Amino acid sequence: MNTMLKSRYYRLIIGSSQLNINNLIVKELKKLNTLVHPGVIFDCLGAIARERSRPGILALDVPLLFESKMDCLADTLVVVTASRVTSLRRAAKKGVAAPLARRILASQWPAQKKAAHADFVIRNDGSLADLKKKVSELWLKLGQPKGE
């Protein structure tokens, strides 16, 4: 879904041209997800169709993958998790108020549940350099032919 369309959905829901997630409440988040997820699904299906004939790995970063039942589109599932404390700290750095960040986290599957459905789990409580290293290691592992 293109950025302009997403922006339009946000404005429609929060009634403002300013994209300020702190104005959203749980009911509005549900409305937003209902409006945005068909576009996200459409974009993912399009990317899969475009790349299907190419060799290699296609990585999709899908918000609410499990909640929207899109996990069936993937051959391999990688879940990146962070502790609740880390998630709340990162949200605060992005300007998301703590009460809203807690509501958003509460509306999602718990990290443990996501991890239980994943083929691989990457813990992301460290630095960006730590995360890049973990992703590179997994990328190399995923690029190996089966059985090696």
Protein backbone atom coordinates (compact mmCIF):
# COMPACT_ATOMS: atom_id res chain seq x y z
CA MET A 1 0.00 0.00 0.00
CA ASN A 2 1.52 3.31 -0.96
CA THR A 3 2.41 5.96 1.61
CA MET A 4 -0.14 8.48 0.34
CA LEU A 5 -2.96 5.98 0.73
CA LYS A 6 -1.80 5.00 4.24
CA SER A 7 -1.62 8.67 5.16
CA ARG A 8 -5.16 9.13 3.91
CA TYR A 9 -6.39 6.22 6.06
CA TYR A 10 -4.67 7.68 9.12
CA ARG A 11 -6.27 11.08 8.48
CA LEU A 12 -9.66 9.44 7.97
CA ILE A 13 -9.42 7.65 11.29
CA ILE A 14 -7.87 10.31 13.49
CA GLY A 15 -9.48 13.26 11.71
CA SER A 16 -6.24 15.14 11.25
CA SER A 17 -3.72 15.77 8.54
CA GLN A 18 -1.06 15.25 11.22
CA LEU A 19 -0.03 11.59 11.59
CA ASN A 20 0.04 11.39 15.37
CA ILE A 21 -0.43 7.86 16.69
CA ASN A 22 -0.86 9.24 20.22
CA ASN A 23 -4.34 10.42 19.18
CA LEU A 24 -5.47 6.88 18.39
CA ILE A 25 -7.45 4.78 20.81
CA VAL A 26 -7.91 1.02 20.75
CA LYS A 27 -11.16 1.14 18.77
CA GLU A 28 -9.54 3.44 16.22
CA LEU A 29 -6.54 1.11 15.96
CA LYS A 30 -8.92 -1.72 15.09
CA LYS A 31 -10.53 0.45 12.40
CA LEU A 32 -7.10 1.35 11.06
CA ASN A 33 -6.05 -2.30 10.90
CA THR A 34 -9.28 -3.20 9.11
CA LEU A 35 -8.60 -0.52 6.50
CA VAL A 36 -4.84 -1.01 6.11
CA HIS A 37 -4.47 -4.79 6.19
CA PRO A 38 -6.20 -5.58 2.90
CA GLY A 39 -3.66 -3.26 1.25
CA VAL A 40 -0.79 -4.89 3.12
CA ILE A 41 -1.99 -8.34 2.05
CA PHE A 42 -2.39 -7.16 -1.55
CA ASP A 43 1.14 -5.66 -1.54
CA CYS A 44 2.63 -8.88 -0.12
CA LEU A 45 0.85 -11.08 -2.67
CA GLY A 46 2.08 -8.77 -5.43
CA ALA A 47 5.68 -8.96 -4.19
CA ILE A 48 5.47 -12.75 -3.98
CA ALA A 49 4.05 -13.01 -7.50
CA ARG A 50 6.69 -10.65 -8.94
CA GLU A 51 9.58 -12.47 -7.29
CA ARG A 52 8.37 -16.08 -7.55
CA SER A 53 10.47 -16.95 -10.59
CA ARG A 54 13.66 -15.35 -9.25
CA PRO A 55 16.19 -17.43 -7.35
CA GLY A 56 17.02 -16.46 -3.79
CA ILE A 57 15.17 -15.29 -0.73
CA LEU A 58 12.27 -12.85 -0.58
CA ALA A 59 11.96 -11.19 2.82
CA LEU A 60 8.65 -9.58 3.74
CA ASP A 61 8.28 -7.35 6.78
CA VAL A 62 4.62 -7.80 7.64
CA PRO A 63 2.93 -5.99 10.52
CA LEU A 64 0.53 -8.23 12.43
CA LEU A 65 1.56 -11.24 10.33
CA PHE A 66 -0.03 -13.82 12.61
CA GLU A 67 -3.01 -11.72 13.65
CA SER A 68 -3.94 -11.20 9.98
CA LYS A 69 -3.34 -14.91 9.22
CA MET A 70 -0.71 -14.10 6.60
CA ASP A 71 1.82 -16.53 8.03
CA CYS A 72 0.55 -19.15 5.58
CA LEU A 73 2.13 -17.12 2.73
CA ALA A 74 5.66 -17.84 3.94
CA ASP A 75 7.86 -20.92 3.61
CA THR A 76 9.97 -19.84 6.57
CA LEU A 77 8.97 -17.56 9.42
CA VAL A 78 11.47 -15.39 11.24
CA VAL A 79 10.22 -13.51 14.29
CA VAL A 80 12.23 -10.65 15.73
CA THR A 81 11.38 -10.07 19.39
CA ALA A 82 12.36 -7.60 22.05
CA SER A 83 11.49 -7.46 25.72
CA ARG A 84 8.50 -5.40 26.76
CA VAL A 85 10.85 -2.91 28.44
CA THR A 86 12.86 -2.51 25.24
CA SER A 87 9.70 -2.18 23.13
CA LEU A 88 8.29 0.51 25.41
CA ARG A 89 11.61 2.38 25.48
CA ARG A 90 11.81 2.34 21.68
CA ALA A 91 8.22 3.51 21.36
CA ALA A 92 8.95 6.40 23.72
CA LYS A 93 11.94 7.40 21.57
CA LYS A 94 9.54 7.58 18.62
CA GLY A 95 7.20 9.82 20.58
CA VAL A 96 4.54 7.22 21.40
CA ALA A 97 3.09 7.78 24.86
CA ALA A 98 3.56 4.87 27.29
CA PRO A 99 -0.17 4.18 27.82
CA LEU A 100 -0.75 3.95 24.08
CA ALA A 101 2.36 1.82 23.55
CA ARG A 102 1.09 -0.60 26.21
CA ARG A 103 -2.34 -0.76 24.52
CA ILE A 104 -0.73 -1.42 21.14
CA LEU A 105 1.40 -4.22 22.60
CA ALA A 106 -1.66 -5.66 24.34
CA SER A 107 -3.53 -5.77 21.01
CA GLN A 108 -0.82 -7.92 19.43
CA TRP A 109 0.08 -11.54 19.96
CA PRO A 110 2.60 -11.91 22.80
CA ALA A 111 6.20 -12.37 21.67
CA GLN A 112 6.28 -15.89 23.14
CA LYS A 113 3.26 -16.93 21.07
CA LYS A 114 4.81 -15.51 17.88
CA ALA A 115 8.12 -17.22 18.67
CA ALA A 116 6.32 -20.55 19.11
CA HIS A 117 5.06 -20.29 15.52
CA ALA A 118 8.40 -19.21 14.05
CA ASP A 119 11.08 -21.27 12.37
CA PHE A 120 13.71 -18.84 13.67
CA VAL A 121 13.67 -16.24 16.42
CA ILE A 122 16.00 -13.25 16.65
CA ARG A 123 16.23 -11.44 19.98
CA ASN A 124 16.54 -7.70 19.45
CA ASP A 125 17.27 -6.16 22.84
CA GLY A 126 20.73 -4.94 21.88
CA SER A 127 22.17 -2.39 19.50
CA LEU A 128 21.45 -2.02 15.81
CA ALA A 129 24.91 -3.49 15.12
CA ASP A 130 23.98 -6.57 17.19
CA LEU A 131 20.76 -6.97 15.23
CA LYS A 132 22.52 -6.60 11.88
CA LYS A 133 25.00 -9.31 12.89
CA LYS A 134 22.22 -11.71 13.89
CA VAL A 135 20.28 -11.03 10.70
CA SER A 136 23.41 -11.55 8.55
CA GLU A 137 24.12 -14.88 10.26
CA LEU A 138 20.57 -16.07 9.71
CA TRP A 139 20.55 -14.79 6.13
CA LEU A 140 23.62 -16.91 5.39
CA LYS A 141 22.00 -19.91 7.04
CA LEU A 142 18.78 -19.47 5.05
CA GLY A 143 20.72 -19.14 1.82
CA GLN A 144 22.20 -22.62 2.21
CA PRO A 145 20.60 -25.35 0.09
CA LYS A 146 18.45 -27.75 2.10
CA GLY A 147 20.41 -30.57 3.74
CA GLU A 148 23.65 -28.63 4.15
